[in-house]
Amino acid sequence: MNVELIQKELKREGLDGWLFYDFHNRDPIAIRILNIDTKRFTSRRWFYYIPSEGSPKKLVHKIESWKLDHLPGEKFIYLPWEELHNQLRQILSGAQKIAMQYSPRNAIPYVSNVDAGTIELVRSFGIDVVSSANLVSLFEAHLSDEEIESHRIAGELMHRVKNLAFKEIAQRIKDGNHPTEYEIHKFMLDLFKEFNLTTNDGPIVAINEHAADPHFEPTESNCYKMHEGDLVLLDLWAKLNRERSIYYDITWMGYIGTTVPTRLNEIFSIVTNARDSALKLVKERFSKKLPVYGFEVDDAARKVIIDAGYGQFFTHRTGHNIGEEVHGNGTHMDNLETRDERKIIPGSCFSIEPGIYIPEEKIGFRSEIDVVITNNSEVVVFGDIQKEIVPILAID
């Protein structure tokens, strides 16, 4: 954490300070930015205030007075709740507008971590509380060059996993040993382990109507066997098994046959055109040094699918921020589930993954790439970008 950089941004945003608050490790953003040790038992509320000018201040409970000792600033200690209220008022005296992990009307739930009662308490001091969403993008979701490199390396391994999974399906079908979705899922997890990749869940292996469910999870009990003529969706996400590594997240489509039916190719081309339209917008804006916002990227992709007559079948946002968690806390490409009005910033990573899902026809399509904005404002996609559905049985 760099207090001076935070204070510089607070002044630029016209804010008097940034108030961090936590109880029982409920705010992962505060924990990561302030480097809080969560291994030691914590049972009391604490506050950490970074003013736009001057030294930070910390407010901790008497029996956990050590809690913020690793951070700079003056320490205040409370015991009864009245003392907590009075000392917090004193710490915030002179401030008129401060940021907290709050989002008006829960517009961006990723940063909406402070409970309503605590917001009410701070507002009772005559202080306007605004969202820290832009600050979170800068100081929690920003990636270093080393972290971006970890994403690139993970991408090389993930494409190997994807290619080997398609090859495994092809070989087993040719041998008459029809695999289930779950068996290919396990095959990919074994490759993750072999390549020293880690993930909290996934991958998704889905055929036919299961591909029409964006969050289908294959299990031993719900999976189908694969046969010639099946449409296959592979969605895989993982990161290097080391600290400060960044997820890589892709979705590819295949068809179990030597040639892909025309209708499937036609629908998939709408999805890839939507993906490419969104990527083009990001590249054009950064090349011209113009801002681009998350909701605009969603709009660019969604327009292509709506204009093609499939708008009702695109049932999720266009993309999400990517960091140490596959769904990070930075800007999302969203004007459907939320309206993310945050700027896309240098040093960030996000997915672009439009889809068309038609359960009535037992088909679903998605194409997902990861976009990195380097710290030099270059727009980069590490790894191959799918252009056509893979004819799986044509794989040697």
Protein backbone atom coordinates (compact mmCIF):
# COMPACT_ATOMS: atom_id res chain seq x y z
CA MET A 1 0.00 0.00 0.00
CA ASN A 2 1.33 3.41 -0.99
CA VAL A 3 -0.36 6.12 1.09
CA GLU A 4 1.00 8.95 -1.05
CA LEU A 5 -0.41 7.44 -4.27
CA ILE A 6 -3.79 6.91 -2.62
CA GLN A 7 -3.82 10.50 -1.36
CA LYS A 8 -2.93 11.79 -4.82
CA GLU A 9 -5.90 9.93 -6.29
CA LEU A 10 -8.21 11.11 -3.50
CA LYS A 11 -7.37 14.70 -4.38
CA ARG A 12 -7.94 14.02 -8.07
CA GLU A 13 -11.35 12.52 -7.26
CA GLY A 14 -12.26 15.47 -5.01
CA LEU A 15 -12.51 13.26 -1.90
CA ASP A 16 -11.46 14.08 1.65
CA GLY A 17 -10.51 10.51 2.45
CA TRP A 18 -10.99 6.76 2.14
CA LEU A 19 -12.41 4.92 5.14
CA PHE A 20 -11.76 1.20 5.42
CA TYR A 21 -13.92 -0.82 7.79
CA ASP A 22 -14.14 -4.49 8.60
CA PHE A 23 -15.76 -6.98 10.94
CA HIS A 24 -14.91 -10.69 10.93
CA ASN A 25 -12.93 -10.37 7.67
CA ARG A 26 -16.02 -9.52 5.65
CA ASP A 27 -14.32 -7.07 3.30
CA PRO A 28 -11.76 -8.86 1.09
CA ILE A 29 -10.93 -5.59 -0.64
CA ALA A 30 -9.79 -3.96 2.60
CA ILE A 31 -7.91 -7.12 3.52
CA ARG A 32 -5.95 -7.16 0.25
CA ILE A 33 -5.23 -3.43 -0.03
CA LEU A 34 -4.16 -3.11 3.60
CA ASN A 35 -2.43 -6.50 3.70
CA ILE A 36 -4.41 -7.67 6.73
CA ASP A 37 -3.37 -10.94 8.32
CA THR A 38 -6.51 -13.08 8.38
CA LYS A 39 -4.86 -16.07 10.05
CA ARG A 40 -4.98 -14.47 13.50
CA PHE A 41 -8.38 -14.57 15.19
CA THR A 42 -10.36 -11.34 14.85
CA SER A 43 -13.69 -10.64 16.53
CA ARG A 44 -13.98 -6.84 16.80
CA ARG A 45 -14.62 -3.96 14.43
CA TRP A 46 -11.75 -1.83 13.14
CA PHE A 47 -11.46 1.28 10.96
CA TYR A 48 -8.56 2.67 8.96
CA TYR A 49 -8.82 6.18 7.54
CA ILE A 50 -6.57 7.61 4.84
CA PRO A 51 -7.21 11.37 4.52
CA SER A 52 -6.37 13.21 1.33
CA GLU A 53 -3.84 15.17 3.40
CA GLY A 54 -2.02 14.24 6.57
CA SER A 55 -1.35 10.94 8.30
CA PRO A 56 -3.71 7.95 8.35
CA LYS A 57 -5.63 7.09 11.51
CA LYS A 58 -6.61 3.70 12.86
CA LEU A 59 -9.37 2.79 15.28
CA VAL A 60 -9.17 -0.61 16.99
CA HIS A 61 -10.77 -2.40 19.93
CA LYS A 62 -8.89 -2.57 23.22
CA ILE A 63 -8.56 -6.37 23.24
CA GLU A 64 -7.37 -6.37 19.62
CA SER A 65 -5.31 -3.21 19.71
CA TRP A 66 -2.56 -4.91 17.67
CA LYS A 67 -4.79 -5.38 14.64
CA LEU A 68 -3.46 -2.55 12.43
CA ASP A 69 0.02 -2.18 13.90
CA HIS A 70 1.65 -2.97 10.55
CA LEU A 71 0.07 0.14 9.01
CA PRO A 72 1.27 3.75 9.37
CA GLY A 73 -0.75 6.31 11.30
CA GLU A 74 -1.98 7.34 14.74
CA LYS A 75 -3.78 4.69 16.76
CA PHE A 76 -7.09 5.25 18.57
CA ILE A 77 -8.41 2.58 20.94
CA TYR A 78 -12.06 2.10 21.92
CA LEU A 79 -13.87 -0.14 24.38
CA PRO A 80 -17.56 0.76 24.80
CA TRP A 81 -19.59 1.42 21.69
CA GLU A 82 -20.08 5.05 22.66
CA GLU A 83 -16.33 5.49 22.56
CA LEU A 84 -16.18 3.90 19.12
CA HIS A 85 -18.75 6.40 17.81
CA ASN A 86 -17.06 9.41 19.44
CA GLN A 87 -13.56 8.49 18.29
CA LEU A 88 -14.70 7.72 14.75
CA ARG A 89 -16.39 11.12 14.65
CA GLN A 90 -13.14 12.70 15.85
CA ILE A 91 -11.05 10.84 13.28
CA LEU A 92 -13.34 12.01 10.47
CA SER A 93 -13.74 15.58 11.70
CA GLY A 94 -13.36 18.11 8.91
CA ALA A 95 -14.23 15.63 6.18
CA GLN A 96 -17.22 16.33 3.97
CA LYS A 97 -17.01 13.54 1.37
CA ILE A 98 -15.29 10.19 1.84
CA ALA A 99 -15.17 6.89 -0.03
CA MET A 100 -16.08 3.51 1.44
CA GLN A 101 -16.66 0.02 0.01
CA TYR A 102 -20.22 0.94 -0.86
CA SER A 103 -22.19 1.12 -4.11
CA PRO A 104 -25.36 3.22 -4.49
CA ARG A 105 -28.34 0.89 -4.83
CA ASN A 106 -25.83 -1.99 -4.98
CA ALA A 107 -25.02 -1.08 -8.59
CA ILE A 108 -21.61 -2.78 -8.36
CA PRO A 109 -22.00 -5.59 -5.80
CA TYR A 110 -18.30 -6.49 -5.98
CA VAL A 111 -17.46 -3.35 -3.97
CA SER A 112 -20.63 -3.18 -1.86
CA ASN A 113 -19.14 -4.70 1.30
CA VAL A 114 -19.91 -2.19 4.08
CA ASP A 115 -23.21 -2.81 5.85
CA ALA A 116 -25.97 -0.19 5.72
CA GLY A 117 -25.78 0.48 9.45
CA THR A 118 -22.13 1.52 9.29
CA ILE A 119 -22.88 3.80 6.34
CA GLU A 120 -25.71 5.33 8.40
CA LEU A 121 -23.33 5.88 11.31
CA VAL A 122 -20.80 7.75 9.18
CA ARG A 123 -23.51 9.80 7.50
CA SER A 124 -24.87 10.75 10.93
CA PHE A 125 -21.66 12.77 11.34
CA GLY A 126 -22.76 14.96 8.42
CA ILE A 127 -20.41 13.24 5.98
CA ASP A 128 -21.31 12.26 2.42
CA VAL A 129 -20.31 8.64 1.72
CA VAL A 130 -19.58 7.77 -1.92
CA SER A 131 -18.44 4.59 -3.64
CA SER A 132 -14.79 3.57 -3.58
CA ALA A 133 -15.30 1.66 -6.87
CA ASN A 134 -12.84 3.76 -8.89
CA LEU A 135 -10.25 3.59 -6.11
CA VAL A 136 -10.68 -0.18 -5.91
CA SER A 137 -9.96 -0.48 -9.62
CA LEU A 138 -6.73 1.45 -9.16
CA PHE A 139 -5.43 0.02 -5.91
CA GLU A 140 -6.89 -3.48 -5.68
CA ALA A 141 -7.46 -4.60 -9.27
CA HIS A 142 -4.34 -3.00 -10.81
CA LEU A 143 -1.76 -5.51 -12.06
CA SER A 144 2.01 -5.21 -12.03
CA ASP A 145 4.10 -6.26 -15.01
CA GLU A 146 5.08 -9.42 -13.12
CA GLU A 147 1.43 -10.29 -12.51
CA ILE A 148 0.61 -9.73 -16.18
CA GLU A 149 3.46 -12.08 -17.07
CA SER A 150 1.98 -14.75 -14.78
CA HIS A 151 -1.28 -14.40 -16.72
CA ARG A 152 0.57 -14.85 -20.03
CA ILE A 153 2.36 -17.99 -18.85
CA ALA A 154 -0.87 -19.43 -17.48
CA GLY A 155 -2.44 -18.77 -20.88
CA GLU A 156 0.17 -20.86 -22.69
CA LEU A 157 -0.57 -23.78 -20.37
CA MET A 158 -4.33 -23.33 -20.56
CA HIS A 159 -4.32 -23.49 -24.35
CA ARG A 160 -2.34 -26.73 -24.09
CA VAL A 161 -5.00 -28.09 -21.74
CA LYS A 162 -7.76 -27.06 -24.16
CA ASN A 163 -6.00 -28.60 -27.16
CA LEU A 164 -5.29 -31.83 -25.31
CA ALA A 165 -8.92 -32.03 -24.17
CA PHE A 166 -10.20 -31.76 -27.75
CA LYS A 167 -7.63 -34.37 -28.82
CA GLU A 168 -8.71 -36.71 -26.01
CA ILE A 169 -12.35 -36.43 -27.07
CA ALA A 170 -11.40 -37.17 -30.68
CA GLN A 171 -9.27 -40.18 -29.83
CA ARG A 172 -11.82 -41.73 -27.50
CA ILE A 173 -14.71 -41.26 -29.94
CA LYS A 174 -12.64 -42.82 -32.73
CA ASP A 175 -11.82 -45.73 -30.43
CA GLY A 176 -15.52 -46.21 -29.63
CA ASN A 177 -14.88 -45.31 -25.98
CA HIS A 178 -17.37 -42.47 -25.64
CA PRO A 179 -16.31 -40.15 -22.78
CA THR A 180 -18.72 -38.33 -20.51
CA GLU A 181 -18.57 -34.61 -19.87
CA TYR A 182 -17.41 -35.39 -16.34
CA GLU A 183 -14.58 -37.65 -17.55
CA ILE A 184 -13.19 -34.89 -19.76
CA HIS A 185 -13.65 -32.46 -16.85
CA LYS A 186 -11.50 -34.78 -14.69
CA PHE A 187 -8.99 -35.21 -17.53
CA MET A 188 -8.54 -31.43 -17.66
CA LEU A 189 -8.19 -31.15 -13.88
CA ASP A 190 -5.42 -33.77 -14.00
CA LEU A 191 -3.65 -31.63 -16.60
CA PHE A 192 -4.02 -28.58 -14.33
CA LYS A 193 -2.23 -30.52 -11.61
CA GLU A 194 0.46 -31.74 -14.01
CA PHE A 195 1.09 -28.18 -15.26
CA ASN A 196 1.05 -26.75 -11.69
CA LEU A 197 -2.11 -24.73 -12.27
CA THR A 198 -4.71 -24.09 -9.61
CA THR A 199 -8.40 -23.17 -9.66
CA ASN A 200 -11.22 -22.94 -7.16
CA ASP A 201 -13.70 -24.73 -9.41
CA GLY A 202 -14.45 -25.72 -13.00
CA PRO A 203 -13.72 -26.40 -15.78
CA ILE A 204 -17.02 -26.57 -17.63
CA VAL A 205 -17.38 -29.35 -20.17
CA ALA A 206 -20.84 -29.15 -21.74
CA ILE A 207 -22.49 -30.69 -24.78
CA ASN A 208 -25.75 -29.83 -26.56
CA GLU A 209 -28.41 -28.54 -24.10
CA HIS A 210 -25.82 -28.40 -21.31
CA ALA A 211 -23.93 -25.88 -23.48
CA ALA A 212 -27.11 -23.77 -23.38
CA ASP A 213 -26.63 -23.41 -19.59
CA PRO A 214 -23.86 -20.81 -19.10
CA HIS A 215 -22.97 -22.16 -15.64
CA PHE A 216 -23.46 -25.89 -16.17
CA GLU A 217 -21.33 -27.93 -13.74
CA PRO A 218 -20.61 -31.51 -14.83
CA THR A 219 -20.88 -34.17 -12.15
CA GLU A 220 -20.92 -37.95 -12.24
CA SER A 221 -24.70 -37.94 -11.90
CA ASN A 222 -25.72 -35.20 -14.37
CA CYS A 223 -23.28 -35.76 -17.23
CA TYR A 224 -23.92 -37.03 -20.75
CA LYS A 225 -21.84 -39.33 -22.91
CA MET A 226 -20.37 -37.74 -26.01
CA HIS A 227 -21.27 -38.94 -29.50
CA GLU A 228 -20.66 -37.90 -33.06
CA GLY A 229 -22.83 -34.88 -33.89
CA ASP A 230 -22.55 -33.30 -30.43
CA LEU A 231 -21.74 -29.61 -29.93
CA VAL A 232 -19.03 -29.17 -27.26
CA LEU A 233 -18.28 -26.15 -25.06
CA LEU A 234 -15.09 -26.00 -22.98
CA ASP A 235 -14.77 -23.19 -20.43
CA LEU A 236 -11.58 -23.35 -18.39
CA TRP A 237 -9.97 -20.99 -15.90
CA ALA A 238 -6.89 -21.37 -13.73
CA LYS A 239 -3.72 -19.60 -12.63
CA LEU A 240 -0.15 -20.53 -11.76
CA ASN A 241 0.10 -22.20 -8.38
CA ARG A 242 2.11 -19.43 -6.75
CA GLU A 243 1.48 -16.17 -4.92
CA ARG A 244 0.33 -13.06 -6.80
CA SER A 245 -0.57 -15.00 -9.94
CA ILE A 246 -3.42 -13.94 -12.20
CA TYR A 247 -6.15 -16.13 -13.65
CA TYR A 248 -6.50 -17.00 -17.33
CA ASP A 249 -10.05 -17.74 -18.48
CA ILE A 250 -11.14 -18.94 -21.95
CA THR A 251 -14.08 -20.63 -23.66
CA TRP A 252 -13.77 -22.62 -26.89
CA MET A 253 -16.33 -24.49 -29.00
CA GLY A 254 -15.98 -27.81 -30.81
CA TYR A 255 -18.16 -30.19 -32.78
CA ILE A 256 -17.77 -33.96 -32.78
CA GLY A 257 -17.47 -34.52 -36.51
CA THR A 258 -15.11 -33.89 -39.40
CA THR A 259 -17.14 -30.91 -40.67
CA VAL A 260 -19.30 -28.47 -38.75
CA PRO A 261 -22.95 -27.95 -39.79
CA THR A 262 -23.61 -24.62 -41.51
CA ARG A 263 -26.19 -23.42 -38.97
CA LEU A 264 -23.82 -23.94 -36.05
CA ASN A 265 -21.09 -22.02 -37.85
CA GLU A 266 -23.50 -19.19 -38.67
CA ILE A 267 -24.58 -18.71 -35.06
CA PHE A 268 -21.02 -19.00 -33.78
CA SER A 269 -19.89 -16.34 -36.26
CA ILE A 270 -22.40 -13.93 -34.68
CA VAL A 271 -20.81 -14.61 -31.29
CA THR A 272 -17.26 -14.09 -32.59
CA ASN A 273 -18.31 -10.92 -34.43
CA ALA A 274 -19.73 -9.59 -31.15
CA ARG A 275 -16.52 -10.49 -29.35
CA ASP A 276 -14.39 -8.81 -32.01
CA SER A 277 -16.58 -5.70 -32.03
CA ALA A 278 -16.05 -5.27 -28.30
CA LEU A 279 -12.30 -5.79 -28.63
CA LYS A 280 -12.15 -3.32 -31.52
CA LEU A 281 -13.82 -0.64 -29.39
CA VAL A 282 -11.25 -1.09 -26.62
CA LYS A 283 -8.33 -0.97 -29.04
CA GLU A 284 -9.63 2.11 -30.84
CA ARG A 285 -10.22 4.06 -27.64
CA PHE A 286 -6.80 3.29 -26.19
CA SER A 287 -5.07 4.03 -29.51
CA LYS A 288 -6.68 7.48 -29.45
CA LYS A 289 -6.04 7.93 -25.71
CA LEU A 290 -9.77 8.20 -25.08
CA PRO A 291 -11.60 6.70 -22.08
CA VAL A 292 -13.64 3.54 -22.46
CA TYR A 293 -16.08 2.34 -19.84
CA GLY A 294 -17.20 -1.14 -18.93
CA PHE A 295 -20.82 -0.64 -19.97
CA GLU A 296 -19.72 0.56 -23.43
CA VAL A 297 -17.87 -2.68 -24.13
CA ASP A 298 -20.99 -4.64 -23.19
CA ASP A 299 -23.07 -2.42 -25.48
CA ALA A 300 -20.70 -3.01 -28.41
CA ALA A 301 -20.93 -6.79 -28.16
CA ARG A 302 -24.64 -6.89 -27.36
CA LYS A 303 -25.55 -4.70 -30.35
CA VAL A 304 -24.11 -7.26 -32.77
CA ILE A 305 -26.15 -10.07 -31.25
CA ILE A 306 -29.33 -7.98 -31.02
CA ASP A 307 -28.99 -6.82 -34.64
CA ALA A 308 -28.65 -10.47 -35.70
CA GLY A 309 -31.96 -11.26 -33.99
CA TYR A 310 -30.57 -13.23 -31.04
CA GLY A 311 -30.66 -10.57 -28.30
CA GLN A 312 -33.01 -12.56 -26.05
CA PHE A 313 -30.55 -15.45 -26.05
CA PHE A 314 -27.58 -13.42 -24.73
CA THR A 315 -28.36 -13.75 -21.04
CA HIS A 316 -25.25 -12.52 -19.20
CA ARG A 317 -22.83 -9.61 -19.17
CA THR A 318 -20.12 -9.47 -21.84
CA GLY A 319 -17.20 -9.87 -19.47
CA HIS A 320 -15.69 -9.59 -16.01
CA ASN A 321 -12.54 -8.27 -14.40
CA ILE A 322 -9.80 -10.85 -13.84
CA GLY A 323 -7.22 -10.84 -11.06
CA GLU A 324 -6.05 -13.18 -8.33
CA GLU A 325 -9.69 -14.30 -8.36
CA VAL A 326 -11.20 -15.26 -11.68
CA HIS A 327 -13.96 -12.71 -11.06
CA GLY A 328 -11.99 -9.72 -9.80
CA ASN A 329 -13.15 -6.44 -8.31
CA GLY A 330 -12.17 -4.13 -11.15
CA THR A 331 -14.24 -2.90 -14.08
CA HIS A 332 -16.69 -5.40 -15.59
CA MET A 333 -17.95 -5.32 -19.17
CA ASP A 334 -21.56 -4.99 -18.10
CA ASN A 335 -24.64 -3.00 -19.01
CA LEU A 336 -27.10 -5.82 -18.40
CA GLU A 337 -26.80 -7.21 -14.88
CA THR A 338 -25.35 -3.90 -13.66
CA ARG A 339 -24.24 -0.71 -15.38
CA ASP A 340 -20.52 -0.52 -14.76
CA GLU A 341 -19.53 3.08 -15.39
CA ARG A 342 -15.93 2.65 -14.31
CA LYS A 343 -13.14 3.32 -16.79
CA ILE A 344 -10.97 0.50 -18.04
CA ILE A 345 -7.51 1.37 -16.77
CA PRO A 346 -3.93 0.45 -17.68
CA GLY A 347 -2.72 -2.51 -15.66
CA SER A 348 -6.01 -4.40 -15.85
CA CYS A 349 -7.31 -7.67 -17.26
CA PHE A 350 -10.83 -8.66 -18.22
CA SER A 351 -12.74 -11.19 -20.27
CA ILE A 352 -14.83 -10.59 -23.36
CA GLU A 353 -17.21 -13.55 -23.65
CA PRO A 354 -20.49 -12.99 -25.47
CA GLY A 355 -22.80 -15.97 -25.87
CA ILE A 356 -25.99 -17.20 -27.49
CA TYR A 357 -27.94 -19.87 -25.61
CA ILE A 358 -30.99 -21.57 -27.16
CA PRO A 359 -32.24 -24.30 -24.79
CA GLU A 360 -35.20 -25.12 -27.06
CA GLU A 361 -32.77 -26.21 -29.78
CA LYS A 362 -30.36 -27.83 -27.29
CA ILE A 363 -27.46 -25.61 -28.37
CA GLY A 364 -25.38 -22.91 -26.74
CA PHE A 365 -22.35 -20.92 -27.90
CA ARG A 366 -19.74 -18.76 -26.18
CA SER A 367 -16.36 -17.41 -27.22
CA GLU A 368 -14.13 -16.00 -24.51
CA ILE A 369 -10.84 -14.14 -24.67
CA ASP A 370 -8.87 -12.32 -21.98
CA VAL A 371 -7.83 -8.74 -22.70
CA VAL A 372 -4.87 -7.18 -20.93
CA ILE A 373 -4.28 -3.44 -20.81
CA THR A 374 -0.58 -3.20 -20.07
CA ASN A 375 0.88 -0.51 -17.86
CA ASN A 376 1.97 1.18 -21.11
CA SER A 377 -1.68 1.23 -22.27
CA GLU A 378 -1.19 -1.44 -24.93
CA VAL A 379 -4.20 -3.69 -25.59
CA VAL A 380 -3.04 -7.32 -25.70
CA VAL A 381 -4.67 -10.74 -25.97
CA PHE A 382 -2.29 -13.54 -25.04
CA GLY A 383 -2.98 -16.77 -26.93
CA ASP A 384 -5.07 -17.84 -29.90
CA ILE A 385 -8.45 -16.31 -30.64
CA GLN A 386 -11.00 -18.81 -31.94
CA LYS A 387 -12.44 -18.00 -35.37
CA GLU A 388 -14.39 -21.18 -36.20
CA ILE A 389 -15.83 -24.13 -34.31
CA VAL A 390 -13.22 -26.90 -34.02
CA PRO A 391 -14.18 -30.05 -36.03
CA ILE A 392 -13.01 -32.44 -33.34
CA LEU A 393 -12.88 -35.63 -35.41
CA ALA A 394 -10.58 -33.88 -37.90
CA ILE A 395 -7.92 -33.66 -35.17
CA ASP A 396 -5.04 -36.10 -35.74
